[in-house]
PDB file of all heavy atoms in Angstrom:
ATOM      1  N   GLU A   1     100.279  90.017  75.869  1.00  0.00           N
ATOM      2  CA  GLU A   1      99.388  89.410  76.861  1.00  0.00           C
ATOM      3  C   GLU A   1     100.152  88.490  77.812  1.00  0.00           C
ATOM      4  O   GLU A   1      99.893  88.453  79.018  1.00  0.00           O
ATOM      5  CB  GLU A   1      98.279  88.608  76.155  1.00  0.00           C
ATOM      6  CG  GLU A   1      97.228  89.444  75.427  1.00  0.00           C
ATOM      7  CD  GLU A   1      97.760  90.028  74.123  1.00  0.00           C
ATOM      8  OE1 GLU A   1      98.797  89.535  73.622  1.00  0.00           O
ATOM      9  OE2 GLU A   1      97.139  90.986  73.609  1.00  0.00           O
ATOM     10  N   GLU A   2     101.114  87.743  77.265  1.00  0.00           N
ATOM     11  CA  GLU A   2     101.922  86.833  78.104  1.00  0.00           C
ATOM     12  C   GLU A   2     102.791  87.627  79.082  1.00  0.00           C
ATOM     13  O   GLU A   2     102.942  87.249  80.243  1.00  0.00           O
ATOM     14  CB  GLU A   2     102.786  85.944  77.219  1.00  0.00           C
ATOM     15  CG  GLU A   2     102.001  84.863  76.475  1.00  0.00           C
ATOM     16  CD  GLU A   2     102.857  84.076  75.508  1.00  0.00           C
ATOM     17  OE1 GLU A   2     103.718  84.683  74.834  1.00  0.00           O
ATOM     18  OE2 GLU A   2     102.674  82.834  75.436  1.00  0.00           O
ATOM     19  N   ILE A   3     103.356  88.717  78.598  1.00  0.00           N
ATOM     20  CA  ILE A   3     104.204  89.550  79.464  1.00  0.00           C
ATOM     21  C   ILE A   3     103.382  90.139  80.616  1.00  0.00           C
ATOM     22  O   ILE A   3     103.817  90.150  81.770  1.00  0.00           O
ATOM     23  CB  ILE A   3     104.876  90.677  78.643  1.00  0.00           C
ATOM     24  CG1 ILE A   3     105.905  90.079  77.685  1.00  0.00           C
ATOM     25  CG2 ILE A   3     105.543  91.696  79.567  1.00  0.00           C
ATOM     26  CD1 ILE A   3     106.487  91.076  76.696  1.00  0.00           C
ATOM     27  N   VAL A   4     102.169  90.624  80.284  1.00  0.00           N
ATOM     28  CA  VAL A   4     101.277  91.155  81.325  1.00  0.00           C
ATOM     29  C   VAL A   4     100.951  90.076  82.358  1.00  0.00           C
ATOM     30  O   VAL A   4     100.932  90.329  83.565  1.00  0.00           O
ATOM     31  CB  VAL A   4      99.978  91.718  80.699  1.00  0.00           C
ATOM     32  CG1 VAL A   4      98.955  92.040  81.789  1.00  0.00           C
ATOM     33  CG2 VAL A   4     100.274  92.957  79.870  1.00  0.00           C
ATOM     34  N   LYS A   5     100.707  88.853  81.859  1.00  0.00           N
ATOM     35  CA  LYS A   5     100.399  87.729  82.758  1.00  0.00           C
ATOM     36  C   LYS A   5     101.568  87.451  83.706  1.00  0.00           C
ATOM     37  O   LYS A   5     101.381  87.245  84.917  1.00  0.00           O
ATOM     38  CB  LYS A   5     100.085  86.492  81.925  1.00  0.00           C
ATOM     39  CG  LYS A   5      99.742  85.257  82.757  1.00  0.00           C
ATOM     40  CD  LYS A   5      99.509  84.049  81.864  1.00  0.00           C
ATOM     41  CE  LYS A   5      99.274  82.797  82.712  1.00  0.00           C
ATOM     42  NZ  LYS A   5      99.092  81.590  81.870  1.00  0.00           N
ATOM     43  N   PHE A   6     102.804  87.435  83.142  1.00  0.00           N
ATOM     44  CA  PHE A   6     103.993  87.207  83.976  1.00  0.00           C
ATOM     45  C   PHE A   6     104.162  88.319  85.009  1.00  0.00           C
ATOM     46  O   PHE A   6     104.496  88.067  86.171  1.00  0.00           O
ATOM     47  CB  PHE A   6     105.247  87.118  83.098  1.00  0.00           C
ATOM     48  CG  PHE A   6     105.308  85.873  82.261  1.00  0.00           C
ATOM     49  CD1 PHE A   6     105.806  85.921  80.962  1.00  0.00           C
ATOM     50  CD2 PHE A   6     104.890  84.649  82.765  1.00  0.00           C
ATOM     51  CE1 PHE A   6     105.875  84.770  80.183  1.00  0.00           C
ATOM     52  CE2 PHE A   6     104.961  83.489  81.992  1.00  0.00           C
ATOM     53  CZ  PHE A   6     105.439  83.558  80.687  1.00  0.00           C
ATOM     54  N   LEU A   7     103.951  89.567  84.565  1.00  0.00           N
ATOM     55  CA  LEU A   7     104.111  90.709  85.476  1.00  0.00           C
ATOM     56  C   LEU A   7     103.084  90.660  86.603  1.00  0.00           C
ATOM     57  O   LEU A   7     103.400  90.999  87.751  1.00  0.00           O
ATOM     58  CB  LEU A   7     103.990  92.024  84.696  1.00  0.00           C
ATOM     59  CG  LEU A   7     105.164  92.361  83.775  1.00  0.00           C
ATOM     60  CD1 LEU A   7     104.857  93.609  82.960  1.00  0.00           C
ATOM     61  CD2 LEU A   7     106.449  92.565  84.579  1.00  0.00           C
ATOM     62  N   LYS A   8     101.859  90.247  86.292  1.00  0.00           N
ATOM     63  CA  LYS A   8     100.843  90.105  87.337  1.00  0.00           C
ATOM     64  C   LYS A   8     101.256  89.042  88.356  1.00  0.00           C
ATOM     65  O   LYS A   8     101.057  89.199  89.561  1.00  0.00           O
ATOM     66  CB  LYS A   8      99.497  89.731  86.709  1.00  0.00           C
ATOM     67  CG  LYS A   8      98.744  90.911  86.115  1.00  0.00           C
ATOM     68  CD  LYS A   8      97.360  90.480  85.633  1.00  0.00           C
ATOM     69  CE  LYS A   8      96.576  91.672  85.114  1.00  0.00           C
ATOM     70  NZ  LYS A   8      95.216  91.283  84.653  1.00  0.00           N
ATOM     71  N   GLY A   9     101.838  87.946  87.850  1.00  0.00           N
ATOM     72  CA  GLY A   9     102.309  86.887  88.741  1.00  0.00           C
ATOM     73  C   GLY A   9     103.427  87.377  89.653  1.00  0.00           C
ATOM     74  O   GLY A   9     103.444  87.085  90.858  1.00  0.00           O
ATOM     75  N   ILE A  10     104.364  88.147  89.066  1.00  0.00           N
ATOM     76  CA  ILE A  10     105.474  88.702  89.856  1.00  0.00           C
ATOM     77  C   ILE A  10     104.942  89.674  90.894  1.00  0.00           C
ATOM     78  O   ILE A  10     105.346  89.665  92.065  1.00  0.00           O
ATOM     79  CB  ILE A  10     106.497  89.412  88.933  1.00  0.00           C
ATOM     80  CG1 ILE A  10     107.214  88.383  88.055  1.00  0.00           C
ATOM     81  CG2 ILE A  10     107.518  90.194  89.756  1.00  0.00           C
ATOM     82  CD1 ILE A  10     108.043  89.006  86.947  1.00  0.00           C
ATOM     83  N   ASN A  11     103.992  90.525  90.456  1.00  0.00           N
ATOM     84  CA  ASN A  11     103.408  91.501  91.375  1.00  0.00           C
ATOM     85  C   ASN A  11     102.679  90.816  92.522  1.00  0.00           C
ATOM     86  O   ASN A  11     102.797  91.212  93.692  1.00  0.00           O
ATOM     87  CB  ASN A  11     102.448  92.418  90.610  1.00  0.00           C
ATOM     88  CG  ASN A  11     101.788  93.441  91.529  1.00  0.00           C
ATOM     89  OD1 ASN A  11     100.650  93.279  91.922  1.00  0.00           O
ATOM     90  ND2 ASN A  11     102.527  94.481  91.858  1.00  0.00           N
ATOM     91  N   ASN A  12     101.934  89.767  92.200  1.00  0.00           N
ATOM     92  CA  ASN A  12     101.187  89.028  93.215  1.00  0.00           C
ATOM     93  C   ASN A  12     102.130  88.375  94.222  1.00  0.00           C
ATOM     94  O   ASN A  12     101.934  88.447  95.438  1.00  0.00           O
ATOM     95  CB  ASN A  12     100.323  87.962  92.535  1.00  0.00           C
ATOM     96  CG  ASN A  12      99.357  87.298  93.504  1.00  0.00           C
ATOM     97  OD1 ASN A  12      98.770  87.948  94.347  1.00  0.00           O
ATOM     98  ND2 ASN A  12      99.194  85.992  93.371  1.00  0.00           N
ATOM     99  N   THR A  13     103.207  87.737  93.707  1.00  0.00           N
ATOM    100  CA  THR A  13     104.185  87.086  94.590  1.00  0.00           C
ATOM    101  C   THR A  13     104.905  88.102  95.465  1.00  0.00           C
ATOM    102  O   THR A  13     105.106  87.880  96.666  1.00  0.00           O
ATOM    103  CB  THR A  13     105.218  86.295  93.760  1.00  0.00           C
ATOM    104  OG1 THR A  13     104.541  85.327  92.971  1.00  0.00           O
ATOM    105  CG2 THR A  13     106.222  85.597  94.665  1.00  0.00           C
ATOM    106  N   SER A  14     105.301  89.245  94.888  1.00  0.00           N
ATOM    107  CA  SER A  14     106.022  90.266  95.654  1.00  0.00           C
ATOM    108  C   SER A  14     105.124  90.891  96.717  1.00  0.00           C
ATOM    109  O   SER A  14     105.575  91.201  97.828  1.00  0.00           O
ATOM    110  CB  SER A  14     106.579  91.350  94.722  1.00  0.00           C
ATOM    111  OG  SER A  14     105.540  92.010  94.036  1.00  0.00           O
ATOM    112  N   THR A  15     103.817  91.046  96.397  1.00  0.00           N
ATOM    113  CA  THR A  15     102.873  91.584  97.387  1.00  0.00           C
ATOM    114  C   THR A  15     102.739  90.642  98.576  1.00  0.00           C
ATOM    115  O   THR A  15     102.782  91.067  99.738  1.00  0.00           O
ATOM    116  CB  THR A  15     101.485  91.797  96.739  1.00  0.00           C
ATOM    117  OG1 THR A  15     101.603  92.719  95.655  1.00  0.00           O
ATOM    118  CG2 THR A  15     100.488  92.358  97.761  1.00  0.00           C
ATOM    119  N   LYS A  16     102.606  89.347  98.270  1.00  0.00           N
ATOM    120  CA  LYS A  16     102.496  88.350  99.341  1.00  0.00           C
ATOM    121  C   LYS A  16     103.781  88.291 100.172  1.00  0.00           C
ATOM    122  O   LYS A  16     103.744  88.149 101.394  1.00  0.00           O
ATOM    123  CB  LYS A  16     102.191  86.973  98.753  1.00  0.00           C
ATOM    124  CG  LYS A  16     100.772  86.848  98.199  1.00  0.00           C
ATOM    125  CD  LYS A  16     100.565  85.492  97.553  1.00  0.00           C
ATOM    126  CE  LYS A  16      99.170  85.373  96.957  1.00  0.00           C
ATOM    127  NZ  LYS A  16      98.982  84.113  96.216  1.00  0.00           N
ATOM    128  N   THR A  17     104.927  88.409  99.484  1.00  0.00           N
ATOM    129  CA  THR A  17     106.214  88.374 100.186  1.00  0.00           C
ATOM    130  C   THR A  17     106.357  89.582 101.097  1.00  0.00           C
ATOM    131  O   THR A  17     106.834  89.470 102.237  1.00  0.00           O
ATOM    132  CB  THR A  17     107.383  88.337  99.183  1.00  0.00           C
ATOM    133  OG1 THR A  17     107.183  87.254  98.278  1.00  0.00           O
ATOM    134  CG2 THR A  17     108.709  88.149  99.895  1.00  0.00           C
ATOM    135  N   TYR A  18     105.906  90.735 100.600  1.00  0.00           N
ATOM    136  CA  TYR A  18     105.959  91.964 101.404  1.00  0.00           C
ATOM    137  C   TYR A  18     105.084  91.817 102.648  1.00  0.00           C
ATOM    138  O   TYR A  18     105.497  92.198 103.757  1.00  0.00           O
ATOM    139  CB  TYR A  18     105.495  93.156 100.572  1.00  0.00           C
ATOM    140  CG  TYR A  18     105.371  94.430 101.369  1.00  0.00           C
ATOM    141  CD1 TYR A  18     106.503  95.091 101.850  1.00  0.00           C
ATOM    142  CD2 TYR A  18     104.112  94.965 101.660  1.00  0.00           C
ATOM    143  CE1 TYR A  18     106.381  96.256 102.593  1.00  0.00           C
ATOM    144  CE2 TYR A  18     103.992  96.123 102.401  1.00  0.00           C
ATOM    145  CZ  TYR A  18     105.125  96.770 102.869  1.00  0.00           C
ATOM    146  OH  TYR A  18     105.004  97.912 103.608  1.00  0.00           O
ATOM    147  N   MET A  19     103.891  91.255 102.494  1.00  0.00           N
ATOM    148  CA  MET A  19     103.000  91.057 103.637  1.00  0.00           C
ATOM    149  C   MET A  19     103.601  90.065 104.627  1.00  0.00           C
ATOM    150  O   MET A  19     103.464  90.221 105.842  1.00  0.00           O
ATOM    151  CB  MET A  19     101.633  90.574 103.152  1.00  0.00           C
ATOM    152  CG  MET A  19     100.845  91.647 102.409  1.00  0.00           C
ATOM    153  SD  MET A  19      99.291  91.046 101.714  1.00  0.00           S
ATOM    154  CE  MET A  19      98.379  90.692 103.192  1.00  0.00           C
ATOM    155  N   LEU A  20     104.281  89.047 104.102  1.00  0.00           N
ATOM    156  CA  LEU A  20     104.952  88.095 104.974  1.00  0.00           C
ATOM    157  C   LEU A  20     106.071  88.783 105.749  1.00  0.00           C
ATOM    158  O   LEU A  20     106.247  88.566 106.954  1.00  0.00           O
ATOM    159  CB  LEU A  20     105.515  86.921 104.157  1.00  0.00           C
ATOM    160  CG  LEU A  20     106.321  85.866 104.930  1.00  0.00           C
ATOM    161  CD1 LEU A  20     105.496  85.275 106.060  1.00  0.00           C
ATOM    162  CD2 LEU A  20     106.793  84.771 103.989  1.00  0.00           C
ATOM    163  N   PHE A  21     106.825  89.638 105.066  1.00  0.00           N
ATOM    164  CA  PHE A  21     107.871  90.410 105.731  1.00  0.00           C
ATOM    165  C   PHE A  21     107.281  91.264 106.844  1.00  0.00           C
ATOM    166  O   PHE A  21     107.840  91.358 107.950  1.00  0.00           O
ATOM    167  CB  PHE A  21     108.591  91.317 104.725  1.00  0.00           C
ATOM    168  CG  PHE A  21     109.892  90.764 104.230  1.00  0.00           C
ATOM    169  CD1 PHE A  21     110.110  90.584 102.875  1.00  0.00           C
ATOM    170  CD2 PHE A  21     110.900  90.408 105.111  1.00  0.00           C
ATOM    171  CE1 PHE A  21     111.303  90.063 102.406  1.00  0.00           C
ATOM    172  CE2 PHE A  21     112.106  89.888 104.659  1.00  0.00           C
ATOM    173  CZ  PHE A  21     112.305  89.722 103.297  1.00  0.00           C
ATOM    174  N   GLN A  22     106.154  91.904 106.556  1.00  0.00           N
ATOM    175  CA  GLN A  22     105.491  92.733 107.572  1.00  0.00           C
ATOM    176  C   GLN A  22     105.143  91.902 108.797  1.00  0.00           C
ATOM    177  O   GLN A  22     105.410  92.308 109.931  1.00  0.00           O
ATOM    178  CB  GLN A  22     104.215  93.351 106.994  1.00  0.00           C
ATOM    179  CG  GLN A  22     104.438  94.640 106.221  1.00  0.00           C
ATOM    180  CD  GLN A  22     103.118  95.318 105.908  1.00  0.00           C
ATOM    181  OE1 GLN A  22     102.192  94.690 105.398  1.00  0.00           O
ATOM    182  NE2 GLN A  22     103.019  96.592 106.203  1.00  0.00           N
ATOM    183  N   ASN A  23     104.540  90.735 108.556  1.00  0.00           N
ATOM    184  CA  ASN A  23     104.177  89.854 109.671  1.00  0.00           C
ATOM    185  C   ASN A  23     105.410  89.403 110.456  1.00  0.00           C
ATOM    186  O   ASN A  23     105.393  89.337 111.686  1.00  0.00           O
ATOM    187  CB  ASN A  23     103.425  88.628 109.156  1.00  0.00           C
ATOM    188  CG  ASN A  23     101.955  88.911 108.903  1.00  0.00           C
ATOM    189  OD1 ASN A  23     101.421  89.910 109.384  1.00  0.00           O
ATOM    190  ND2 ASN A  23     101.305  88.065 108.144  1.00  0.00           N
ATOM    191  N   LEU A  24     106.479  89.074 109.743  1.00  0.00           N
ATOM    192  CA  LEU A  24     107.708  88.637 110.410  1.00  0.00           C
ATOM    193  C   LEU A  24     108.285  89.734 111.302  1.00  0.00           C
ATOM    194  O   LEU A  24     108.694  89.488 112.432  1.00  0.00           O
ATOM    195  CB  LEU A  24     108.758  88.217 109.374  1.00  0.00           C
ATOM    196  CG  LEU A  24     108.623  86.813 108.770  1.00  0.00           C
ATOM    197  CD1 LEU A  24     109.570  86.650 107.596  1.00  0.00           C
ATOM    198  CD2 LEU A  24     108.893  85.755 109.828  1.00  0.00           C
ATOM    199  N   LEU A  25     108.313  90.953 110.783  1.00  0.00           N
ATOM    200  CA  LEU A  25     108.856  92.072 111.544  1.00  0.00           C
ATOM    201  C   LEU A  25     107.997  92.361 112.781  1.00  0.00           C
ATOM    202  O   LEU A  25     108.518  92.575 113.882  1.00  0.00           O
ATOM    203  CB  LEU A  25     108.958  93.320 110.662  1.00  0.00           C
ATOM    204  CG  LEU A  25     110.017  93.272 109.555  1.00  0.00           C
ATOM    205  CD1 LEU A  25     109.890  94.468 108.621  1.00  0.00           C
ATOM    206  CD2 LEU A  25     111.422  93.210 110.147  1.00  0.00           C
ATOM    207  N   ILE A  26     106.662  92.372 112.583  1.00  0.00           N
ATOM    208  CA  ILE A  26     105.757  92.625 113.711  1.00  0.00           C
ATOM    209  C   ILE A  26     105.889  91.524 114.745  1.00  0.00           C
ATOM    210  O   ILE A  26     105.956  91.770 115.948  1.00  0.00           O
ATOM    211  CB  ILE A  26     104.293  92.719 113.213  1.00  0.00           C
ATOM    212  CG1 ILE A  26     104.115  93.960 112.329  1.00  0.00           C
ATOM    213  CG2 ILE A  26     103.317  92.788 114.388  1.00  0.00           C
ATOM    214  CD1 ILE A  26     102.795  93.988 111.577  1.00  0.00           C
ATOM    215  N   TRP A  27     105.951  90.274 114.262  1.00  0.00           N
ATOM    216  CA  TRP A  27     106.055  89.127 115.159  1.00  0.00           C
ATOM    217  C   TRP A  27     107.357  89.165 115.958  1.00  0.00           C
ATOM    218  O   TRP A  27     107.376  88.919 117.165  1.00  0.00           O
ATOM    219  CB  TRP A  27     105.953  87.858 114.325  1.00  0.00           C
ATOM    220  CG  TRP A  27     105.931  86.579 115.116  1.00  0.00           C
ATOM    221  CD1 TRP A  27     105.120  86.275 116.167  1.00  0.00           C
ATOM    222  CD2 TRP A  27     106.756  85.437 114.907  1.00  0.00           C
ATOM    223  NE1 TRP A  27     105.370  85.008 116.609  1.00  0.00           N
ATOM    224  CE2 TRP A  27     106.375  84.475 115.861  1.00  0.00           C
ATOM    225  CE3 TRP A  27     107.762  85.133 113.999  1.00  0.00           C
ATOM    226  CZ2 TRP A  27     106.974  83.235 115.936  1.00  0.00           C
ATOM    227  CZ3 TRP A  27     108.344  83.892 114.076  1.00  0.00           C
ATOM    228  CH2 TRP A  27     107.961  82.957 115.031  1.00  0.00           C
ATOM    229  N   ALA A  28     108.467  89.482 115.265  1.00  0.00           N
ATOM    230  CA  ALA A  28     109.770  89.555 115.938  1.00  0.00           C
ATOM    231  C   ALA A  28     109.745  90.621 117.028  1.00  0.00           C
ATOM    232  O   ALA A  28     110.266  90.414 118.135  1.00  0.00           O
ATOM    233  CB  ALA A  28     110.862  89.860 114.917  1.00  0.00           C
ATOM    234  N   ARG A  29     109.134  91.770 116.734  1.00  0.00           N
ATOM    235  CA  ARG A  29     109.039  92.838 117.746  1.00  0.00           C
ATOM    236  C   ARG A  29     108.165  92.402 118.918  1.00  0.00           C
ATOM    237  O   ARG A  29     108.461  92.707 120.079  1.00  0.00           O
ATOM    238  CB  ARG A  29     108.475  94.108 117.106  1.00  0.00           C
ATOM    239  CG  ARG A  29     109.464  94.822 116.182  1.00  0.00           C
ATOM    240  CD  ARG A  29     108.809  95.991 115.482  1.00  0.00           C
ATOM    241  NE  ARG A  29     108.371  96.996 116.443  1.00  0.00           N
ATOM    242  CZ  ARG A  29     107.488  97.950 116.166  1.00  0.00           C
ATOM    243  NH1 ARG A  29     106.947  98.011 114.963  1.00  0.00           N
ATOM    244  NH2 ARG A  29     107.152  98.840 117.084  1.00  0.00           N
ATOM    245  N   ALA A  30     107.088  91.690 118.610  1.00  0.00           N
ATOM    246  CA  ALA A  30     106.194  91.221 119.671  1.00  0.00           C
ATOM    247  C   ALA A  30     106.910  90.228 120.588  1.00  0.00           C
ATOM    248  O   ALA A  30     106.773  90.280 121.811  1.00  0.00           O
ATOM    249  CB  ALA A  30     104.948  90.571 119.067  1.00  0.00           C
ATOM    250  N   GLN A  31     107.712  89.325 119.991  1.00  0.00           N
ATOM    251  CA  GLN A  31     108.434  88.316 120.779  1.00  0.00           C
ATOM    252  C   GLN A  31     109.506  88.953 121.658  1.00  0.00           C
ATOM    253  O   GLN A  31     109.810  88.463 122.737  1.00  0.00           O
ATOM    254  CB  GLN A  31     109.081  87.279 119.854  1.00  0.00           C
ATOM    255  CG  GLN A  31     108.104  86.464 119.027  1.00  0.00           C
ATOM    256  CD  GLN A  31     107.052  85.770 119.865  1.00  0.00           C
ATOM    257  OE1 GLN A  31     107.368  85.094 120.834  1.00  0.00           O
ATOM    258  NE2 GLN A  31     105.789  85.955 119.515  1.00  0.00           N
ATOM    259  N   SER A  32     110.098  90.049 121.197  1.00  0.00           N
ATOM    260  CA  SER A  32     111.164  90.696 121.961  1.00  0.00           C
ATOM    261  C   SER A  32     110.619  91.708 122.967  1.00  0.00           C
ATOM    262  O   SER A  32     111.367  92.295 123.734  1.00  0.00           O
ATOM    263  CB  SER A  32     112.134  91.414 121.008  1.00  0.00           C
ATOM    264  OG  SER A  32     111.465  92.444 120.287  1.00  0.00           O
ATOM    265  N   GLY A  33     109.289  91.898 122.955  1.00  0.00           N
ATOM    266  CA  GLY A  33     108.673  92.832 123.896  1.00  0.00           C
ATOM    267  C   GLY A  33     108.808  94.288 123.490  1.00  0.00           C
ATOM    268  O   GLY A  33     108.588  95.185 124.313  1.00  0.00           O
ATOM    269  N   ASN A  34     109.186  94.549 122.246  1.00  0.00           N
ATOM    270  CA  ASN A  34     109.396  95.926 121.793  1.00  0.00           C
ATOM    271  C   ASN A  34     108.226  96.479 120.988  1.00  0.00           C
ATOM    272  O   ASN A  34     108.353  97.510 120.333  1.00  0.00           O
ATOM    273  CB  ASN A  34     110.669  95.999 120.929  1.00  0.00           C
ATOM    274  CG  ASN A  34     111.925  95.725 121.747  1.00  0.00           C
ATOM    275  OD1 ASN A  34     112.008  96.119 122.905  1.00  0.00           O
ATOM    276  ND2 ASN A  34     112.884  95.041 121.153  1.00  0.00           N
ATOM    277  N   LEU A  35     107.100  95.800 121.037  1.00  0.00           N
ATOM    278  CA  LEU A  35     105.942  96.258 120.284  1.00  0.00           C
ATOM    279  C   LEU A  35     105.018  97.030 121.220  1.00  0.00           C
ATOM    280  O   LEU A  35     104.463  96.477 122.158  1.00  0.00           O
ATOM    281  CB  LEU A  35     105.198  95.061 119.677  1.00  0.00           C
ATOM    282  CG  LEU A  35     104.117  95.385 118.647  1.00  0.00           C
ATOM    283  CD1 LEU A  35     104.728  96.051 117.416  1.00  0.00           C
ATOM    284  CD2 LEU A  35     103.381  94.124 118.232  1.00  0.00           C
ATOM    285  N   ASP A  36     104.888  98.326 120.980  1.00  0.00           N
ATOM    286  CA  ASP A  36     104.063  99.172 121.830  1.00  0.00           C
ATOM    287  C   ASP A  36     102.585  98.868 121.629  1.00  0.00           C
ATOM    288  O   ASP A  36     102.139  98.590 120.511  1.00  0.00           O
ATOM    289  CB  ASP A  36     104.314 100.655 121.527  1.00  0.00           C
ATOM    290  CG  ASP A  36     105.724 101.081 121.903  1.00  0.00           C
ATOM    291  OD1 ASP A  36     106.250 100.515 122.879  1.00  0.00           O
ATOM    292  OD2 ASP A  36     106.284 101.960 121.234  1.00  0.00           O
ATOM    293  N   PHE A  37     101.830  98.932 122.710  1.00  0.00           N
ATOM    294  CA  PHE A  37     100.382  98.749 122.655  1.00  0.00           C
ATOM    295  C   PHE A  37      99.739 100.078 123.034  1.00  0.00           C
ATOM    296  O   PHE A  37      99.780 100.498 124.185  1.00  0.00           O
ATOM    297  CB  PHE A  37      99.964  97.636 123.621  1.00  0.00           C
ATOM    298  CG  PHE A  37      98.474  97.439 123.706  1.00  0.00           C
ATOM    299  CD1 PHE A  37      97.751  97.038 122.594  1.00  0.00           C
ATOM    300  CD2 PHE A  37      97.793  97.641 124.905  1.00  0.00           C
ATOM    301  CE1 PHE A  37      96.379  96.848 122.671  1.00  0.00           C
ATOM    302  CE2 PHE A  37      96.434  97.451 124.993  1.00  0.00           C
ATOM    303  CZ  PHE A  37      95.720  97.050 123.872  1.00  0.00           C
TER     304      PHE A  37
END
């Protein structure tokens, strides 16, 4: 049960980090004018 709890925490953190990465990449493209509309 403890291992499952730790894995859920890791999964949750990695998901949030991935979404942050997505936002950073989209934002960087938007700032450089390379984001197509």
